[in-house]
Structures are given as structure tokens and as C-alpha cells.
């Protein structure tokens, strides 16, 4: 089985991140060309050292909130707190919380 990551950020986080806090963004996502003026989704995005990474160029992101977290799980808990979704985040079963990446 080939080793794949959900995104380039996941690869960077698993292989290069030194454990220091990273800036995370809660973004409204707008699909380009969608006739609806409202956002289509809410995204949790992380910034790598050289800025906000968005792999889907069919989407425009508008930042709603910024915060710092050292791991994906910490970021999800902070997102839940900011959005008023409750205190505890339960990772998706395909997310490996030890390796901090999607299982392949």
C-alpha cells in the first residue's frame, strides 16, 4: 500500500513539524462559480511556515477565527470551543492521533 496523506499539510505535520504551536484558521469556504452567495462549508485550516495552504483551487476561503495549537487534536478542541460545539473532540476513525495523519 502506498503511503498517502490527506493533504500536503498532513504530510508536513507528520514528517517535519517540530511540535511548536502552529497558527490554525477557521474559514468559510466558497466554491468558485457557485450561484449561491453564502459559504458552502466551514474549514479548519493550518498554516505551514510559508502561509495558508489550500489545495483545492476551486474554493475561496475567508478567515473567521485564528488561533495557535500544537496538534490537530488540540486545534479541533479549540475549534469546538470557539464555535460553541462542546468541549470534547472525537477524532475521525481514519485519523491516527499518534502519527497526526490520516491512516492509509
N, C-alpha and C. Protein backbone atom coordinates (compact mmCIF):
# COMPACT_ATOMS: atom_id res chain seq x y z
N UNK A 1 0.84 -1.18 0.00
CA UNK A 1 0.00 0.00 0.00
C UNK A 1 0.88 1.25 0.00
N UNK A 2 0.56 2.17 -0.83
CA UNK A 2 1.31 3.40 -0.98
C UNK A 2 1.01 4.35 0.19
N UNK A 3 2.02 5.05 0.68
CA UNK A 3 1.84 5.98 1.79
C UNK A 3 1.28 7.30 1.24
N UNK A 4 0.07 7.64 1.65
CA UNK A 4 -0.55 8.87 1.18
C UNK A 4 -1.00 9.70 2.38
N UNK A 5 -1.13 10.99 2.16
CA UNK A 5 -1.59 11.90 3.18
C UNK A 5 -2.84 12.60 2.68
N UNK A 6 -3.67 13.03 3.61
CA UNK A 6 -4.90 13.72 3.28
C UNK A 6 -4.59 15.03 2.55
N UNK A 7 -3.55 15.70 2.98
CA UNK A 7 -3.15 16.96 2.35
C UNK A 7 -1.65 17.13 2.51
N UNK A 8 -1.10 18.10 1.83
CA UNK A 8 0.31 18.42 1.97
C UNK A 8 0.62 18.86 3.40
N UNK A 9 -0.35 19.52 4.04
CA UNK A 9 -0.16 19.91 5.44
C UNK A 9 0.00 18.68 6.32
N UNK A 10 -0.84 17.66 6.10
CA UNK A 10 -0.74 16.44 6.90
C UNK A 10 0.63 15.80 6.74
N UNK A 11 1.15 15.79 5.51
CA UNK A 11 2.49 15.25 5.29
C UNK A 11 3.52 16.07 6.06
N UNK A 12 3.45 17.40 5.93
CA UNK A 12 4.39 18.28 6.62
C UNK A 12 4.29 18.09 8.14
N UNK A 13 3.05 18.04 8.65
CA UNK A 13 2.85 17.92 10.09
C UNK A 13 3.44 16.60 10.60
N UNK A 14 3.24 15.51 9.88
CA UNK A 14 3.73 14.20 10.31
C UNK A 14 5.23 14.07 10.17
N UNK A 15 5.82 14.66 9.14
CA UNK A 15 7.23 14.42 8.85
C UNK A 15 8.17 15.53 9.31
N UNK A 16 7.70 16.78 9.36
CA UNK A 16 8.62 17.89 9.61
C UNK A 16 8.28 18.75 10.81
N UNK A 17 7.04 18.73 11.28
CA UNK A 17 6.64 19.61 12.37
C UNK A 17 7.41 19.28 13.64
N UNK A 18 7.92 20.32 14.29
CA UNK A 18 8.76 20.12 15.48
C UNK A 18 7.99 20.17 16.79
N UNK A 19 6.65 20.23 16.74
CA UNK A 19 5.84 20.26 17.95
C UNK A 19 5.53 21.65 18.46
N UNK A 20 6.08 22.67 17.81
CA UNK A 20 5.79 24.04 18.24
C UNK A 20 4.38 24.43 17.80
N UNK A 21 3.78 25.43 18.44
CA UNK A 21 2.44 25.86 18.04
C UNK A 21 2.42 26.35 16.59
N UNK A 22 1.33 26.04 15.92
CA UNK A 22 1.10 26.43 14.53
C UNK A 22 -0.18 27.25 14.50
N UNK A 23 -0.25 28.25 13.63
CA UNK A 23 -1.47 29.02 13.51
C UNK A 23 -2.52 28.21 12.74
N UNK A 24 -3.74 28.15 13.28
CA UNK A 24 -4.86 27.46 12.66
C UNK A 24 -5.92 28.49 12.34
N UNK A 25 -6.67 28.25 11.29
CA UNK A 25 -7.71 29.16 10.83
C UNK A 25 -9.04 28.43 10.72
N UNK A 26 -10.10 29.07 11.15
CA UNK A 26 -11.45 28.59 10.87
C UNK A 26 -11.93 29.46 9.72
N UNK A 27 -12.22 28.82 8.57
CA UNK A 27 -12.53 29.55 7.34
C UNK A 27 -13.90 29.17 6.79
N UNK A 28 -14.58 30.15 6.24
CA UNK A 28 -15.76 29.89 5.42
C UNK A 28 -15.24 29.55 4.02
N UNK A 29 -15.73 28.47 3.45
CA UNK A 29 -15.32 28.06 2.10
C UNK A 29 -16.41 28.38 1.09
N UNK A 30 -16.02 29.03 0.02
CA UNK A 30 -16.94 29.39 -1.07
C UNK A 30 -16.46 28.71 -2.34
N UNK A 31 -17.31 27.92 -2.97
CA UNK A 31 -16.95 27.28 -4.23
C UNK A 31 -17.02 28.32 -5.35
N UNK A 32 -15.99 28.37 -6.15
CA UNK A 32 -15.97 29.30 -7.27
C UNK A 32 -17.03 28.89 -8.29
N UNK A 33 -17.78 29.86 -8.78
CA UNK A 33 -18.80 29.58 -9.78
C UNK A 33 -20.13 29.15 -9.21
N UNK A 34 -20.22 28.99 -7.88
CA UNK A 34 -21.48 28.60 -7.26
C UNK A 34 -22.41 29.82 -7.24
N UNK A 35 -23.63 29.69 -7.75
CA UNK A 35 -24.52 30.86 -7.78
C UNK A 35 -24.98 31.32 -6.40
N UNK A 36 -24.89 30.45 -5.40
CA UNK A 36 -25.28 30.82 -4.04
C UNK A 36 -24.21 31.75 -3.46
N UNK A 37 -24.64 32.83 -2.86
CA UNK A 37 -23.69 33.80 -2.31
C UNK A 37 -23.12 33.39 -0.96
N UNK A 38 -23.72 32.40 -0.29
CA UNK A 38 -23.27 32.01 1.04
C UNK A 38 -22.13 31.00 0.99
N UNK A 39 -21.48 30.81 2.13
CA UNK A 39 -20.41 29.81 2.18
C UNK A 39 -20.97 28.40 2.02
N UNK A 40 -20.17 27.52 1.43
CA UNK A 40 -20.57 26.13 1.21
C UNK A 40 -20.12 25.21 2.33
N UNK A 41 -19.07 25.61 3.04
CA UNK A 41 -18.56 24.75 4.12
C UNK A 41 -17.75 25.57 5.10
N UNK A 42 -17.43 24.96 6.22
CA UNK A 42 -16.59 25.55 7.24
C UNK A 42 -15.34 24.68 7.32
N UNK A 43 -14.18 25.27 7.15
CA UNK A 43 -12.93 24.51 7.11
C UNK A 43 -12.03 24.86 8.29
N UNK A 44 -11.32 23.85 8.78
CA UNK A 44 -10.25 24.07 9.75
C UNK A 44 -8.96 23.95 8.96
N UNK A 45 -8.25 25.04 8.85
CA UNK A 45 -7.03 25.08 8.03
C UNK A 45 -5.85 25.40 8.93
N UNK A 46 -4.71 24.86 8.60
CA UNK A 46 -3.50 25.17 9.34
C UNK A 46 -2.54 25.90 8.42
N UNK A 47 -1.69 26.71 9.01
CA UNK A 47 -0.69 27.39 8.22
C UNK A 47 0.64 26.67 8.41
N UNK A 48 1.30 26.46 7.30
CA UNK A 48 2.65 25.94 7.34
C UNK A 48 3.56 27.16 7.47
N UNK A 49 4.85 26.97 7.62
CA UNK A 49 5.74 28.13 7.82
C UNK A 49 5.61 29.20 6.72
N UNK A 50 5.22 28.80 5.52
CA UNK A 50 5.12 29.79 4.44
C UNK A 50 3.68 30.19 4.14
N UNK A 51 2.77 29.97 5.08
CA UNK A 51 1.42 30.52 4.92
C UNK A 51 0.32 29.50 4.76
N UNK A 52 -0.90 30.01 4.61
CA UNK A 52 -2.14 29.22 4.48
C UNK A 52 -2.07 28.36 3.23
N UNK A 53 -2.28 27.08 3.40
CA UNK A 53 -2.24 26.16 2.27
C UNK A 53 -3.65 25.73 1.91
N UNK A 54 -4.03 25.91 0.68
CA UNK A 54 -5.32 25.47 0.19
C UNK A 54 -5.07 24.69 -1.09
N UNK A 55 -5.32 23.38 -1.04
CA UNK A 55 -5.02 22.54 -2.19
C UNK A 55 -6.12 22.56 -3.22
N UNK A 56 -7.35 22.83 -2.81
CA UNK A 56 -8.49 22.85 -3.73
C UNK A 56 -8.64 24.25 -4.28
N UNK A 57 -8.13 24.48 -5.47
CA UNK A 57 -8.15 25.83 -6.05
C UNK A 57 -9.53 26.20 -6.59
N UNK A 58 -10.49 25.31 -6.43
CA UNK A 58 -11.87 25.62 -6.81
C UNK A 58 -12.62 26.28 -5.67
N UNK A 59 -11.92 26.58 -4.60
CA UNK A 59 -12.57 27.12 -3.43
C UNK A 59 -11.84 28.36 -2.93
N UNK A 60 -12.59 29.34 -2.46
CA UNK A 60 -12.02 30.56 -1.86
C UNK A 60 -12.32 30.51 -0.37
N UNK A 61 -11.35 30.82 0.46
CA UNK A 61 -11.53 30.80 1.91
C UNK A 61 -11.53 32.21 2.47
N UNK A 62 -12.42 32.43 3.42
CA UNK A 62 -12.48 33.69 4.15
C UNK A 62 -12.29 33.34 5.63
N UNK A 63 -11.28 33.93 6.25
CA UNK A 63 -10.92 33.59 7.63
C UNK A 63 -11.93 34.19 8.60
N UNK A 64 -12.46 33.32 9.50
CA UNK A 64 -13.37 33.75 10.57
C UNK A 64 -12.65 33.88 11.90
N UNK A 65 -11.75 32.93 12.21
CA UNK A 65 -11.04 32.93 13.50
C UNK A 65 -9.61 32.44 13.27
N UNK A 66 -8.68 32.92 14.10
CA UNK A 66 -7.29 32.48 14.10
C UNK A 66 -6.92 32.09 15.53
N UNK A 67 -6.14 31.02 15.67
CA UNK A 67 -5.65 30.62 16.99
C UNK A 67 -4.42 29.75 16.81
N UNK A 68 -3.71 29.51 17.91
CA UNK A 68 -2.50 28.69 17.89
C UNK A 68 -2.78 27.35 18.57
N UNK A 69 -2.23 26.27 18.01
CA UNK A 69 -2.31 24.93 18.61
C UNK A 69 -1.12 24.12 18.14
N UNK A 70 -0.71 23.15 18.96
CA UNK A 70 0.47 22.34 18.65
C UNK A 70 0.14 21.03 17.97
N UNK A 71 -1.13 20.65 17.93
CA UNK A 71 -1.51 19.39 17.30
C UNK A 71 -2.89 19.52 16.69
N UNK A 72 -3.22 18.58 15.83
CA UNK A 72 -4.53 18.57 15.19
C UNK A 72 -5.64 18.40 16.21
N UNK A 73 -5.43 17.51 17.19
CA UNK A 73 -6.44 17.26 18.21
C UNK A 73 -6.66 18.52 19.05
N UNK A 74 -5.59 19.19 19.45
CA UNK A 74 -5.71 20.44 20.20
C UNK A 74 -6.45 21.48 19.37
N UNK A 75 -6.14 21.56 18.08
CA UNK A 75 -6.81 22.52 17.19
C UNK A 75 -8.30 22.21 17.09
N UNK A 76 -8.67 20.95 16.98
CA UNK A 76 -10.09 20.58 16.88
C UNK A 76 -10.83 20.93 18.16
N UNK A 77 -10.19 20.71 19.31
CA UNK A 77 -10.83 21.08 20.57
C UNK A 77 -11.01 22.59 20.68
N UNK A 78 -10.01 23.36 20.25
CA UNK A 78 -10.15 24.82 20.28
C UNK A 78 -11.22 25.29 19.31
N UNK A 79 -11.28 24.65 18.12
CA UNK A 79 -12.34 24.99 17.16
C UNK A 79 -13.71 24.74 17.76
N UNK A 80 -13.90 23.59 18.40
CA UNK A 80 -15.18 23.27 19.02
C UNK A 80 -15.55 24.30 20.08
N UNK A 81 -14.56 24.72 20.87
CA UNK A 81 -14.80 25.72 21.90
C UNK A 81 -15.21 27.06 21.27
N UNK A 82 -14.46 27.50 20.27
CA UNK A 82 -14.75 28.78 19.60
C UNK A 82 -16.13 28.76 18.96
N UNK A 83 -16.48 27.65 18.31
CA UNK A 83 -17.75 27.56 17.59
C UNK A 83 -18.92 27.19 18.50
N UNK A 84 -18.63 26.88 19.77
CA UNK A 84 -19.69 26.53 20.70
C UNK A 84 -20.25 25.13 20.48
N UNK A 85 -19.41 24.22 19.99
CA UNK A 85 -19.85 22.87 19.66
C UNK A 85 -19.61 21.86 20.78
N UNK A 86 -19.16 22.30 21.92
CA UNK A 86 -18.88 21.37 23.02
C UNK A 86 -17.39 21.27 23.28
N UNK A 87 -17.06 20.68 24.41
CA UNK A 87 -15.68 20.67 24.88
C UNK A 87 -14.81 19.57 24.31
N UNK A 88 -15.41 18.46 23.92
CA UNK A 88 -14.60 17.29 23.57
C UNK A 88 -14.69 17.00 22.07
N UNK A 89 -13.53 16.87 21.45
CA UNK A 89 -13.45 16.49 20.04
C UNK A 89 -13.09 15.01 19.98
N UNK A 90 -13.83 14.25 19.20
CA UNK A 90 -13.52 12.83 18.98
C UNK A 90 -12.98 12.70 17.56
N UNK A 91 -11.73 12.26 17.40
CA UNK A 91 -11.17 12.15 16.06
C UNK A 91 -11.94 11.19 15.17
N UNK A 92 -11.91 11.45 13.88
CA UNK A 92 -12.48 10.55 12.89
C UNK A 92 -11.74 9.21 13.01
N UNK A 93 -12.44 8.10 12.85
CA UNK A 93 -11.77 6.79 13.00
C UNK A 93 -10.58 6.59 12.05
N UNK A 94 -10.54 7.29 10.92
CA UNK A 94 -9.43 7.15 9.98
C UNK A 94 -8.25 8.05 10.33
N UNK A 95 -8.37 8.90 11.37
CA UNK A 95 -7.27 9.77 11.78
C UNK A 95 -6.42 9.05 12.82
N UNK A 96 -5.11 9.02 12.63
CA UNK A 96 -4.20 8.41 13.58
C UNK A 96 -3.71 9.51 14.52
N UNK A 97 -4.21 9.56 15.77
CA UNK A 97 -3.82 10.64 16.68
C UNK A 97 -2.37 10.57 17.14
N UNK A 98 -1.75 9.41 17.05
CA UNK A 98 -0.35 9.27 17.44
C UNK A 98 0.56 9.82 16.34
N UNK A 99 0.30 9.43 15.09
CA UNK A 99 1.13 9.89 13.97
C UNK A 99 0.67 11.23 13.42
N UNK A 100 -0.50 11.74 13.88
CA UNK A 100 -1.04 13.02 13.44
C UNK A 100 -1.23 13.05 11.93
N UNK A 101 -1.85 11.99 11.37
CA UNK A 101 -2.14 11.96 9.93
C UNK A 101 -3.25 10.98 9.68
N UNK A 102 -3.81 11.05 8.47
CA UNK A 102 -4.87 10.11 8.09
C UNK A 102 -4.25 8.74 7.88
N UNK A 103 -4.96 7.71 8.32
CA UNK A 103 -4.49 6.33 8.11
C UNK A 103 -4.57 6.00 6.63
N UNK A 104 -3.64 5.21 6.15
CA UNK A 104 -3.66 4.82 4.73
C UNK A 104 -4.02 3.37 4.59
